[in-house]
Amino acid sequence: MQCKDCGVQTSVTAGTVLHRTRTPLSQWFWAAYLMTAHTPGISALQLKRQLGLRRHETAWTMLHKLRRAMVAPAREPLRGLVEVDESYIGGPEHGKRGRGAIGKTLVVGAVEDRGKVAGRVRLQVIPNFRGVTLAGFVEANLEHGTTVKTDGLEGYEALSPKHYRHRPRVQGSGERARLWLPHIHRVFSNLKTWLRGTHHGVDGKHLQAYLDEYVFRYNRRRTPMAAFQTLLGLAGQRGPMTHKQLCDSESSG
């Protein structure tokens, strides 16, 4: 329902990410549909034009509120054979590249290896390569008993041998690394292309929210309509967040 005096949505959206929104629910549904069903996703500028919104800020807020709803509270951990690797995301396109590059954000990722095809994926911004950080990511996202493939980075030695079967391999070149961990390398490559192409780069402060969107869309890439319905359901479960809180937030959790 909508308040006749101020135009604010009431009752239906109270206590959700749409709490006290002045934007019609029909436009929220369109935004959710375009985020999940449109192959390359949609940027705030594109959404503003598509919905005829007056302000870029409105489109940006809508998309970020929906991104905050894209992590299911009780999602199942990855299992079976899983590739785990890390990469730097963002930063300037010129100058120093690779590990240690200024202005880039460190991200660790994991993807189920199902032979010729990839299964589900997880991505997370991390502060460093330390063992406690990498082991913490694995513990939070992979089922005990999983076989974990990694490169020879020392930090992965912290993985619990009681919980995981670790298969590290030292790689002497980028090509050899891609052969050993093909799925996660493809995930990172497509992620970077998406961030540059659809969003023209992303502030590291908000990168986790975009990673959550990428994971949500990737894991439901073969069922876009189910993804749309799932997002609507999750949006109804996530608590409200103001524009200021979105701007100040460094991750979506």
Foldseek 3Di string as FASTA:
>chain_A
DADPPPQFDDDQQPFFQSHRPNDDVVLLLVLLLQQQPVVLGAELVRSCVVVVPDDSLVSNSSLLSLLLLLDDPDDDADAAEKEKEKFWAFDDPDDDDTPPDPPTWIKIKMWDCPDPDIAAMAMDTDDDLALVGVQVVCVVHHFFAGEYEYEPPPSVVSHDPRRYNYDYHHDPDPVVRCVRRVPVVVLVVVLRCSCCPRVVTDRQQEVQSVSSSSSLNVNCVVPSVVSSVVSVVSRSVHGYDDSVRSVNHSHSD
